[in-house]
């Protein structure tokens, strides 16, 4: 069990580090391209990537902290670090989107940056899409494998970056065809809206998890079906919550009062094993009461 946990932590650390490296490279490329081309939409993409990089650092730190075992001060472990990271990342994304929109609207109002060289921007945006696509798919795979909300949020940032890069490419092509720089400002605003919407989505998910939201309905149904396999017991209370990569499950079971403690204990052990086998990474607490 310790080996499995160690491998998952190593995978999460590697994924977070990969995101940091890719975002750093793309930021440098986008800033250079933005300065040379004079495009506000490319500069907005560079700002977006900066928030992605900061989010990656937050995810990397959260993964490190959440992997710590439970201790005296934190008997339920450190899984909440990943949800806090997702929450902070969502706020960063929203703020970045607002700043980009403000900057683009001011530039449009002042009619600045009317001479834009779109060629270098197109090359950098295509490179950005390819890099983010492969890194995002890799991170999504690791997030699902390790059930990591922080890595999943980081993967979502990169997905948002892909869509916003496509929007920037469309704007640069329109500038090249029409020689009208207004498309640069319009696309920058569209990019900011996409970023804000993605940030709100991640914010809602993180908020639910910080408030100890229950497991998904299909997972709760799996728990009930497992218990139904034991006719000697019935459910009085079933509570669940997400705790980082772990699933906390509290059960109060009604059991035949004439059954020996040893028999009841064996049933509970079997229930725990079956639930953990089905859901993985579970922390189960069972209390037994006589069925009157």
C-alpha atoms as a PDB file:
ATOM      1  CA  UNK A   1       0.000   0.000   0.000  1.00  0.00           C
ATOM      2  CA  UNK A   2       2.850   2.405   0.862  1.00  0.00           C
ATOM      3  CA  UNK A   3       4.558   1.583  -2.445  1.00  0.00           C
ATOM      4  CA  UNK A   4       1.377   2.427  -4.386  1.00  0.00           C
ATOM      5  CA  UNK A   5       0.981   5.752  -2.522  1.00  0.00           C
ATOM      6  CA  UNK A   6       4.652   6.568  -3.128  1.00  0.00           C
ATOM      7  CA  UNK A   7       4.319   5.877  -6.866  1.00  0.00           C
ATOM      8  CA  UNK A   8       1.221   8.077  -7.110  1.00  0.00           C
ATOM      9  CA  UNK A   9       2.955  10.925  -5.284  1.00  0.00           C
ATOM     10  CA  UNK A  10       5.953  10.599  -7.599  1.00  0.00           C
ATOM     11  CA  UNK A  11       3.659  10.753 -10.648  1.00  0.00           C
ATOM     12  CA  UNK A  12       1.906  13.879  -9.307  1.00  0.00           C
ATOM     13  CA  UNK A  13       5.232  15.593  -8.582  1.00  0.00           C
ATOM     14  CA  UNK A  14       6.497  14.768 -12.083  1.00  0.00           C
ATOM     15  CA  UNK A  15       3.296  16.087 -13.689  1.00  0.00           C
ATOM     16  CA  UNK A  16       3.423  19.366 -11.724  1.00  0.00           C
ATOM     17  CA  UNK A  17       7.110  19.830 -12.600  1.00  0.00           C
ATOM     18  CA  UNK A  18       6.392  19.171 -16.298  1.00  0.00           C
ATOM     19  CA  UNK A  19       3.748  21.901 -16.231  1.00  0.00           C
ATOM     20  CA  UNK A  20       6.170  24.363 -14.625  1.00  0.00           C
ATOM     21  CA  UNK A  21       8.839  23.746 -17.283  1.00  0.00           C
ATOM     22  CA  UNK A  22       6.445  23.943 -20.258  1.00  0.00           C
ATOM     23  CA  UNK A  23       4.756  27.120 -18.977  1.00  0.00           C
ATOM     24  CA  UNK A  24       8.115  28.831 -18.389  1.00  0.00           C
ATOM     25  CA  UNK A  25       9.244  28.130 -21.960  1.00  0.00           C
ATOM     26  CA  UNK A  26       5.926  29.307 -23.451  1.00  0.00           C
ATOM     27  CA  UNK A  27       5.912  32.520 -21.398  1.00  0.00           C
ATOM     28  CA  UNK A  28       9.340  33.468 -22.741  1.00  0.00           C
ATOM     29  CA  UNK A  29       8.279  32.732 -26.334  1.00  0.00           C
ATOM     30  CA  UNK A  30       4.990  34.650 -26.020  1.00  0.00           C
ATOM     31  CA  UNK A  31       6.598  37.732 -24.447  1.00  0.00           C
ATOM     32  CA  UNK A  32       9.209  37.853 -27.212  1.00  0.00           C
ATOM     33  CA  UNK A  33       6.549  37.358 -29.900  1.00  0.00           C
ATOM     34  CA  UNK A  34       4.247  39.931 -28.292  1.00  0.00           C
ATOM     35  CA  UNK A  35       6.975  42.594 -28.169  1.00  0.00           C
ATOM     36  CA  UNK A  36       8.168  41.953 -31.735  1.00  0.00           C
ATOM     37  CA  UNK A  37       4.677  41.742 -33.251  1.00  0.00           C
ATOM     38  CA  UNK A  38       3.108  44.496 -31.141  1.00  0.00           C
ATOM     39  CA  UNK A  39       0.036  42.315 -30.545  1.00  0.00           C
ATOM     40  CA  UNK A  40      -1.991  42.863 -27.374  1.00  0.00           C
ATOM     41  CA  UNK A  41      -3.676  39.467 -27.807  1.00  0.00           C
ATOM     42  CA  UNK A  42      -0.295  37.701 -27.690  1.00  0.00           C
ATOM     43  CA  UNK A  43       0.702  39.755 -24.641  1.00  0.00           C
ATOM     44  CA  UNK A  44      -2.604  38.711 -23.049  1.00  0.00           C
ATOM     45  CA  UNK A  45      -1.699  35.088 -23.755  1.00  0.00           C
ATOM     46  CA  UNK A  46       1.681  35.651 -22.067  1.00  0.00           C
ATOM     47  CA  UNK A  47      -0.140  36.994 -18.988  1.00  0.00           C
ATOM     48  CA  UNK A  48      -2.448  33.969 -19.112  1.00  0.00           C
ATOM     49  CA  UNK A  49       0.584  31.655 -19.184  1.00  0.00           C
ATOM     50  CA  UNK A  50       2.062  33.538 -16.208  1.00  0.00           C
ATOM     51  CA  UNK A  51      -1.029  32.659 -14.180  1.00  0.00           C
ATOM     52  CA  UNK A  52      -0.683  29.073 -15.417  1.00  0.00           C
ATOM     53  CA  UNK A  53       2.915  29.026 -14.205  1.00  0.00           C
ATOM     54  CA  UNK A  54       1.970  30.396 -10.802  1.00  0.00           C
ATOM     55  CA  UNK A  55      -0.851  27.843 -10.647  1.00  0.00           C
ATOM     56  CA  UNK A  56       1.652  25.102 -11.474  1.00  0.00           C
ATOM     57  CA  UNK A  57       3.867  26.189  -8.576  1.00  0.00           C
ATOM     58  CA  UNK A  58       0.834  26.147  -6.280  1.00  0.00           C
ATOM     59  CA  UNK A  59      -0.126  22.672  -7.530  1.00  0.00           C
ATOM     60  CA  UNK A  60       3.453  21.431  -7.045  1.00  0.00           C
ATOM     61  CA  UNK A  61       3.492  22.713  -3.454  1.00  0.00           C
ATOM     62  CA  UNK A  62       0.018  21.328  -2.747  1.00  0.00           C
ATOM     63  CA  UNK A  63       0.951  17.886  -4.070  1.00  0.00           C
ATOM     64  CA  UNK A  64       4.031  17.854  -1.831  1.00  0.00           C
ATOM     65  CA  UNK A  65       2.017  18.827   1.234  1.00  0.00           C
ATOM     66  CA  UNK A  66      -0.986  16.576   0.573  1.00  0.00           C
ATOM     67  CA  UNK A  67       1.267  13.519   0.279  1.00  0.00           C
ATOM     68  CA  UNK A  68       2.326  13.855   3.923  1.00  0.00           C
ATOM     69  CA  UNK A  69       0.894  11.108   6.134  1.00  0.00           C
ATOM     70  CA  UNK A  70      -1.652  11.815   8.876  1.00  0.00           C
ATOM     71  CA  UNK A  71      -0.141  13.031  12.136  1.00  0.00           C
ATOM     72  CA  UNK A  72      -1.267  14.035  15.628  1.00  0.00           C
ATOM     73  CA  UNK A  73      -2.307  17.542  14.555  1.00  0.00           C
ATOM     74  CA  UNK A  74      -3.872  16.364  11.267  1.00  0.00           C
ATOM     75  CA  UNK A  75      -5.413  12.942  11.989  1.00  0.00           C
ATOM     76  CA  UNK A  76      -7.355  13.008   8.685  1.00  0.00           C
ATOM     77  CA  UNK A  77      -4.245  13.704   6.623  1.00  0.00           C
ATOM     78  CA  UNK A  78      -3.340  16.709   4.450  1.00  0.00           C
ATOM     79  CA  UNK A  79      -5.597  16.105   1.440  1.00  0.00           C
ATOM     80  CA  UNK A  80      -7.265  19.524   1.748  1.00  0.00           C
ATOM     81  CA  UNK A  81      -4.075  21.167   0.475  1.00  0.00           C
ATOM     82  CA  UNK A  82      -5.043  20.152  -3.061  1.00  0.00           C
ATOM     83  CA  UNK A  83      -8.502  21.699  -2.767  1.00  0.00           C
ATOM     84  CA  UNK A  84      -7.034  24.911  -1.359  1.00  0.00           C
ATOM     85  CA  UNK A  85      -4.621  24.948  -4.315  1.00  0.00           C
ATOM     86  CA  UNK A  86      -7.518  24.551  -6.771  1.00  0.00           C
ATOM     87  CA  UNK A  87      -9.351  27.406  -5.012  1.00  0.00           C
ATOM     88  CA  UNK A  88      -6.343  29.747  -5.232  1.00  0.00           C
ATOM     89  CA  UNK A  89      -5.700  28.774  -8.845  1.00  0.00           C
ATOM     90  CA  UNK A  90      -9.287  29.664  -9.785  1.00  0.00           C
ATOM     91  CA  UNK A  91      -8.927  33.122  -8.233  1.00  0.00           C
ATOM     92  CA  UNK A  92      -5.673  33.686 -10.136  1.00  0.00           C
ATOM     93  CA  UNK A  93      -7.341  32.760 -13.411  1.00  0.00           C
ATOM     94  CA  UNK A  94     -10.302  35.098 -12.810  1.00  0.00           C
ATOM     95  CA  UNK A  95      -8.064  38.028 -11.858  1.00  0.00           C
ATOM     96  CA  UNK A  96      -5.857  37.440 -14.921  1.00  0.00           C
ATOM     97  CA  UNK A  97      -8.923  37.402 -17.181  1.00  0.00           C
ATOM     98  CA  UNK A  98     -10.174  40.703 -15.757  1.00  0.00           C
ATOM     99  CA  UNK A  99      -6.753  42.370 -16.164  1.00  0.00           C
ATOM    100  CA  UNK A 100      -6.448  41.189 -19.776  1.00  0.00           C
ATOM    101  CA  UNK A 101      -9.927  42.523 -20.634  1.00  0.00           C
ATOM    102  CA  UNK A 102      -9.172  45.872 -18.994  1.00  0.00           C
ATOM    103  CA  UNK A 103      -5.843  46.193 -20.818  1.00  0.00           C
ATOM    104  CA  UNK A 104      -7.390  45.319 -24.200  1.00  0.00           C
ATOM    105  CA  UNK A 105     -10.300  47.761 -23.787  1.00  0.00           C
ATOM    106  CA  UNK A 106      -7.934  50.610 -22.811  1.00  0.00           C
ATOM    107  CA  UNK A 107      -5.710  49.893 -25.846  1.00  0.00           C
ATOM    108  CA  UNK A 108      -8.752  49.790 -28.132  1.00  0.00           C
ATOM    109  CA  UNK A 109     -10.067  53.096 -26.735  1.00  0.00           C
ATOM    110  CA  UNK A 110      -6.680  54.772 -27.230  1.00  0.00           C
ATOM    111  CA  UNK A 111      -6.299  53.240 -30.741  1.00  0.00           C
ATOM    112  CA  UNK A 112      -2.772  52.031 -30.001  1.00  0.00           C
ATOM    113  CA  UNK A 113      -0.898  49.073 -31.557  1.00  0.00           C
ATOM    114  CA  UNK A 114      -2.397  49.558 -35.029  1.00  0.00           C
ATOM    115  CA  UNK A 115       0.708  48.173 -36.827  1.00  0.00           C
ATOM    116  CA  UNK A 116       0.920  44.465 -36.031  1.00  0.00           C
ATOM    117  CA  UNK A 117       3.270  41.849 -37.495  1.00  0.00           C
ATOM    118  CA  UNK A 118       1.212  38.667 -37.237  1.00  0.00           C
ATOM    119  CA  UNK A 119       3.699  36.146 -38.716  1.00  0.00           C
ATOM    120  CA  UNK A 120       5.830  35.506 -35.618  1.00  0.00           C
ATOM    121  CA  UNK A 121       2.697  35.468 -33.471  1.00  0.00           C
ATOM    122  CA  UNK A 122       1.133  32.717 -35.588  1.00  0.00           C
ATOM    123  CA  UNK A 123       4.247  30.545 -35.279  1.00  0.00           C
ATOM    124  CA  UNK A 124       4.459  30.947 -31.489  1.00  0.00           C
ATOM    125  CA  UNK A 125       0.719  30.331 -30.995  1.00  0.00           C
ATOM    126  CA  UNK A 126       0.878  27.099 -33.009  1.00  0.00           C
ATOM    127  CA  UNK A 127       3.853  25.946 -30.922  1.00  0.00           C
ATOM    128  CA  UNK A 128       1.926  26.876 -27.765  1.00  0.00           C
ATOM    129  CA  UNK A 129      -1.126  24.834 -28.811  1.00  0.00           C
ATOM    130  CA  UNK A 130       0.962  21.736 -29.567  1.00  0.00           C
ATOM    131  CA  UNK A 131       2.950  21.928 -26.307  1.00  0.00           C
ATOM    132  CA  UNK A 132      -0.115  22.597 -24.153  1.00  0.00           C
ATOM    133  CA  UNK A 133      -2.118  19.834 -25.823  1.00  0.00           C
ATOM    134  CA  UNK A 134       0.421  17.100 -25.086  1.00  0.00           C
ATOM    135  CA  UNK A 135       1.227  18.369 -21.579  1.00  0.00           C
ATOM    136  CA  UNK A 136      -2.480  18.783 -20.762  1.00  0.00           C
ATOM    137  CA  UNK A 137      -3.325  15.213 -21.907  1.00  0.00           C
ATOM    138  CA  UNK A 138      -0.440  13.869 -19.853  1.00  0.00           C
ATOM    139  CA  UNK A 139      -1.542  15.797 -16.761  1.00  0.00           C
ATOM    140  CA  UNK A 140      -5.193  14.781 -17.205  1.00  0.00           C
ATOM    141  CA  UNK A 141      -4.137  11.132 -17.345  1.00  0.00           C
ATOM    142  CA  UNK A 142      -2.065  11.500 -14.158  1.00  0.00           C
ATOM    143  CA  UNK A 143      -4.876  13.443 -12.409  1.00  0.00           C
ATOM    144  CA  UNK A 144      -7.377  10.651 -13.109  1.00  0.00           C
ATOM    145  CA  UNK A 145      -4.888   7.935 -12.157  1.00  0.00           C
ATOM    146  CA  UNK A 146      -4.013   9.598  -8.839  1.00  0.00           C
ATOM    147  CA  UNK A 147      -7.384  11.312  -8.220  1.00  0.00           C
ATOM    148  CA  UNK A 148      -5.583  14.650  -7.750  1.00  0.00           C
ATOM    149  CA  UNK A 149      -7.770  17.815  -7.858  1.00  0.00           C
ATOM    150  CA  UNK A 150      -4.700  20.090  -8.001  1.00  0.00           C
ATOM    151  CA  UNK A 151      -3.235  18.349 -11.066  1.00  0.00           C
ATOM    152  CA  UNK A 152      -6.690  18.228 -12.677  1.00  0.00           C
ATOM    153  CA  UNK A 153      -7.099  21.997 -12.149  1.00  0.00           C
ATOM    154  CA  UNK A 154      -3.655  22.563 -13.668  1.00  0.00           C
ATOM    155  CA  UNK A 155      -4.655  20.447 -16.669  1.00  0.00           C
ATOM    156  CA  UNK A 156      -7.802  22.587 -17.037  1.00  0.00           C
ATOM    157  CA  UNK A 157      -5.653  25.736 -17.145  1.00  0.00           C
ATOM    158  CA  UNK A 158      -3.732  24.340 -20.092  1.00  0.00           C
ATOM    159  CA  UNK A 159      -6.972  23.398 -21.865  1.00  0.00           C
ATOM    160  CA  UNK A 160      -8.162  26.990 -21.462  1.00  0.00           C
ATOM    161  CA  UNK A 161      -4.809  28.139 -22.849  1.00  0.00           C
ATOM    162  CA  UNK A 162      -5.338  25.980 -25.956  1.00  0.00           C
ATOM    163  CA  UNK A 163      -8.741  27.530 -26.710  1.00  0.00           C
ATOM    164  CA  UNK A 164      -7.503  31.038 -26.086  1.00  0.00           C
ATOM    165  CA  UNK A 165      -4.474  30.401 -28.345  1.00  0.00           C
ATOM    166  CA  UNK A 166      -6.836  29.249 -31.118  1.00  0.00           C
ATOM    167  CA  UNK A 167      -8.774  32.499 -30.684  1.00  0.00           C
ATOM    168  CA  UNK A 168      -5.527  34.495 -30.932  1.00  0.00           C
ATOM    169  CA  UNK A 169      -4.550  32.631 -34.130  1.00  0.00           C
ATOM    170  CA  UNK A 170      -7.936  33.459 -35.645  1.00  0.00           C
ATOM    171  CA  UNK A 171      -7.443  37.137 -34.760  1.00  0.00           C
ATOM    172  CA  UNK A 172      -3.926  37.223 -36.214  1.00  0.00           C
ATOM    173  CA  UNK A 173      -5.147  35.622 -39.454  1.00  0.00           C
ATOM    174  CA  UNK A 174      -7.940  38.227 -39.716  1.00  0.00           C
ATOM    175  CA  UNK A 175      -5.376  41.006 -39.151  1.00  0.00           C
ATOM    176  CA  UNK A 176      -3.179  39.535 -41.895  1.00  0.00           C
ATOM    177  CA  UNK A 177      -6.097  39.290 -44.333  1.00  0.00           C
ATOM    178  CA  UNK A 178      -7.908  42.576 -43.561  1.00  0.00           C
ATOM    179  CA  UNK A 179      -4.995  44.679 -42.256  1.00  0.00           C
ATOM    180  CA  UNK A 180      -7.347  45.840 -39.494  1.00  0.00           C
ATOM    181  CA  UNK A 181      -5.815  45.772 -35.985  1.00  0.00           C
ATOM    182  CA  UNK A 182      -9.213  45.960 -34.257  1.00  0.00           C
ATOM    183  CA  UNK A 183      -9.378  42.145 -34.388  1.00  0.00           C
ATOM    184  CA  UNK A 184      -6.377  42.015 -32.056  1.00  0.00           C
ATOM    185  CA  UNK A 185      -8.263  43.874 -29.316  1.00  0.00           C
ATOM    186  CA  UNK A 186     -11.522  41.971 -29.861  1.00  0.00           C
ATOM    187  CA  UNK A 187      -9.762  38.594 -29.623  1.00  0.00           C
ATOM    188  CA  UNK A 188      -7.963  39.724 -26.463  1.00  0.00           C
ATOM    189  CA  UNK A 189     -11.349  40.463 -24.858  1.00  0.00           C
ATOM    190  CA  UNK A 190     -12.722  37.081 -26.014  1.00  0.00           C
ATOM    191  CA  UNK A 191      -9.650  35.373 -24.530  1.00  0.00           C
ATOM    192  CA  UNK A 192     -10.246  37.153 -21.227  1.00  0.00           C
ATOM    193  CA  UNK A 193     -13.883  35.976 -21.147  1.00  0.00           C
ATOM    194  CA  UNK A 194     -12.826  32.356 -21.796  1.00  0.00           C
ATOM    195  CA  UNK A 195     -10.275  32.615 -18.990  1.00  0.00           C
ATOM    196  CA  UNK A 196     -12.786  34.070 -16.517  1.00  0.00           C
ATOM    197  CA  UNK A 197     -15.404  31.390 -17.293  1.00  0.00           C
ATOM    198  CA  UNK A 198     -12.824  28.637 -16.774  1.00  0.00           C
ATOM    199  CA  UNK A 199     -11.755  30.222 -13.487  1.00  0.00           C
ATOM    200  CA  UNK A 200     -15.357  30.347 -12.252  1.00  0.00           C
ATOM    201  CA  UNK A 201     -15.824  26.661 -13.118  1.00  0.00           C
ATOM    202  CA  UNK A 202     -12.726  25.633 -11.143  1.00  0.00           C
ATOM    203  CA  UNK A 203     -13.767  27.954  -8.286  1.00  0.00           C
ATOM    204  CA  UNK A 204     -17.155  26.216  -7.944  1.00  0.00           C
ATOM    205  CA  UNK A 205     -15.580  22.747  -7.884  1.00  0.00           C
ATOM    206  CA  UNK A 206     -12.954  23.762  -5.311  1.00  0.00           C
ATOM    207  CA  UNK A 207     -15.601  25.443  -3.135  1.00  0.00           C
ATOM    208  CA  UNK A 208     -17.742  22.291  -3.071  1.00  0.00           C
ATOM    209  CA  UNK A 209     -14.797  20.110  -2.094  1.00  0.00           C
ATOM    210  CA  UNK A 210     -13.641  22.493   0.654  1.00  0.00           C
ATOM    211  CA  UNK A 211     -17.146  22.242   2.113  1.00  0.00           C
ATOM    212  CA  UNK A 212     -16.764  18.439   2.397  1.00  0.00           C
ATOM    213  CA  UNK A 213     -19.029  17.549  -0.497  1.00  0.00           C
ATOM    214  CA  UNK A 214     -20.202  13.950  -0.664  1.00  0.00           C
ATOM    215  CA  UNK A 215     -18.847  11.386  -3.091  1.00  0.00           C
ATOM    216  CA  UNK A 216     -20.497  11.101  -6.500  1.00  0.00           C
ATOM    217  CA  UNK A 217     -23.902   9.395  -6.514  1.00  0.00           C
ATOM    218  CA  UNK A 218     -22.626   6.398  -8.460  1.00  0.00           C
ATOM    219  CA  UNK A 219     -19.928   5.821  -5.822  1.00  0.00           C
ATOM    220  CA  UNK A 220     -22.472   6.014  -2.992  1.00  0.00           C
ATOM    221  CA  UNK A 221     -24.662   3.512  -4.859  1.00  0.00           C
ATOM    222  CA  UNK A 222     -21.693   1.138  -5.142  1.00  0.00           C
ATOM    223  CA  UNK A 223     -21.269   1.284  -1.351  1.00  0.00           C
ATOM    224  CA  UNK A 224     -24.963   0.497  -0.812  1.00  0.00           C
ATOM    225  CA  UNK A 225     -24.889  -2.437  -3.233  1.00  0.00           C
ATOM    226  CA  UNK A 226     -21.867  -3.922  -1.439  1.00  0.00           C
ATOM    227  CA  UNK A 227     -23.647  -3.752   1.924  1.00  0.00           C
ATOM    228  CA  UNK A 228     -26.762  -5.329   0.383  1.00  0.00           C
ATOM    229  CA  UNK A 229     -24.668  -8.442  -0.195  1.00  0.00           C
ATOM    230  CA  UNK A 230     -24.713  -8.978   3.589  1.00  0.00           C
ATOM    231  CA  UNK A 231     -28.304  -9.761   4.666  1.00  0.00           C
ATOM    232  CA  UNK A 232     -27.277  -9.756   8.342  1.00  0.00           C
ATOM    233  CA  UNK A 233     -26.823  -5.960   8.309  1.00  0.00           C
ATOM    234  CA  UNK A 234     -28.658  -2.841   7.135  1.00  0.00           C
ATOM    235  CA  UNK A 235     -27.659   0.805   6.836  1.00  0.00           C
ATOM    236  CA  UNK A 236     -28.774   3.278   9.472  1.00  0.00           C
ATOM    237  CA  UNK A 237     -26.428   6.111   8.491  1.00  0.00           C
ATOM    238  CA  UNK A 238     -24.084   6.589   5.530  1.00  0.00           C
ATOM    239  CA  UNK A 239     -21.890   9.687   5.273  1.00  0.00           C
ATOM    240  CA  UNK A 240     -19.162  10.315   2.716  1.00  0.00           C
ATOM    241  CA  UNK A 241     -16.782  13.107   1.820  1.00  0.00           C
ATOM    242  CA  UNK A 242     -13.865  13.819  -0.484  1.00  0.00           C
ATOM    243  CA  UNK A 243     -10.513  14.347   1.205  1.00  0.00           C
ATOM    244  CA  UNK A 244      -7.863  14.936  -1.442  1.00  0.00           C
ATOM    245  CA  UNK A 245      -7.174  11.622  -3.158  1.00  0.00           C
ATOM    246  CA  UNK A 246      -8.947   9.788  -0.322  1.00  0.00           C
ATOM    247  CA  UNK A 247     -12.611   9.027   0.239  1.00  0.00           C
ATOM    248  CA  UNK A 248     -13.821   9.228   3.844  1.00  0.00           C
ATOM    249  CA  UNK A 249     -16.766   6.911   4.539  1.00  0.00           C
ATOM    250  CA  UNK A 250     -18.678   6.746   7.845  1.00  0.00           C
ATOM    251  CA  UNK A 251     -21.182   3.912   8.306  1.00  0.00           C
ATOM    252  CA  UNK A 252     -23.579   3.099  11.112  1.00  0.00           C
ATOM    253  CA  UNK A 253     -24.877  -0.419  10.544  1.00  0.00           C
ATOM    254  CA  UNK A 254     -27.762  -2.182  12.220  1.00  0.00           C
ATOM    255  CA  UNK A 255     -26.852  -5.767  13.016  1.00  0.00           C
ATOM    256  CA  UNK A 256     -28.472  -8.764  14.722  1.00  0.00           C
ATOM    257  CA  UNK A 257     -28.045  -8.226  18.471  1.00  0.00           C
ATOM    258  CA  UNK A 258     -27.611 -11.974  19.044  1.00  0.00           C
ATOM    259  CA  UNK A 259     -24.556 -12.113  16.792  1.00  0.00           C
ATOM    260  CA  UNK A 260     -21.162 -12.485  18.479  1.00  0.00           C
ATOM    261  CA  UNK A 261     -18.695  -9.609  18.408  1.00  0.00           C
ATOM    262  CA  UNK A 262     -16.307 -11.733  16.367  1.00  0.00           C
ATOM    263  CA  UNK A 263     -18.956 -12.499  13.724  1.00  0.00           C
ATOM    264  CA  UNK A 264     -19.967  -8.843  13.481  1.00  0.00           C
ATOM    265  CA  UNK A 265     -16.326  -7.782  13.242  1.00  0.00           C
ATOM    266  CA  UNK A 266     -15.685 -10.233  10.376  1.00  0.00           C
ATOM    267  CA  UNK A 267     -18.650  -8.841   8.444  1.00  0.00           C
ATOM    268  CA  UNK A 268     -17.386  -5.288   8.901  1.00  0.00           C
ATOM    269  CA  UNK A 269     -13.896  -6.307   7.745  1.00  0.00           C
ATOM    270  CA  UNK A 270     -15.339  -7.877   4.606  1.00  0.00           C
ATOM    271  CA  UNK A 271     -17.436  -4.775   3.884  1.00  0.00           C
ATOM    272  CA  UNK A 272     -14.387  -2.536   4.260  1.00  0.00           C
ATOM    273  CA  UNK A 273     -12.282  -4.717   1.933  1.00  0.00           C
ATOM    274  CA  UNK A 274     -14.964  -4.816  -0.767  1.00  0.00           C
ATOM    275  CA  UNK A 275     -15.573  -1.045  -0.625  1.00  0.00           C
ATOM    276  CA  UNK A 276     -11.857  -0.263  -0.816  1.00  0.00           C
ATOM    277  CA  UNK A 277     -11.402  -2.705  -3.690  1.00  0.00           C
ATOM    278  CA  UNK A 278     -14.227  -1.015  -5.589  1.00  0.00           C
ATOM    279  CA  UNK A 279     -13.517   2.674  -4.861  1.00  0.00           C
ATOM    280  CA  UNK A 280      -9.784   2.697  -3.971  1.00  0.00           C
ATOM    281  CA  UNK A 281      -8.094   5.058  -1.489  1.00  0.00           C
ATOM    282  CA  UNK A 282     -10.814   4.803   1.162  1.00  0.00           C
ATOM    283  CA  UNK A 283     -10.786   5.597   4.867  1.00  0.00           C
ATOM    284  CA  UNK A 284     -13.749   3.730   6.354  1.00  0.00           C
ATOM    285  CA  UNK A 285     -15.191   3.970   9.835  1.00  0.00           C
ATOM    286  CA  UNK A 286     -17.991   1.513  10.818  1.00  0.00           C
ATOM    287  CA  UNK A 287     -20.098   1.653  13.968  1.00  0.00           C
ATOM    288  CA  UNK A 288     -22.429  -1.256  14.776  1.00  0.00           C
ATOM    289  CA  UNK A 289     -25.746  -1.030  16.602  1.00  0.00           C
ATOM    290  CA  UNK A 290     -28.133  -3.861  17.516  1.00  0.00           C
ATOM    291  CA  UNK A 291     -31.158  -4.094  15.258  1.00  0.00           C
ATOM    292  CA  UNK A 292     -34.149  -3.858  17.589  1.00  0.00           C
END
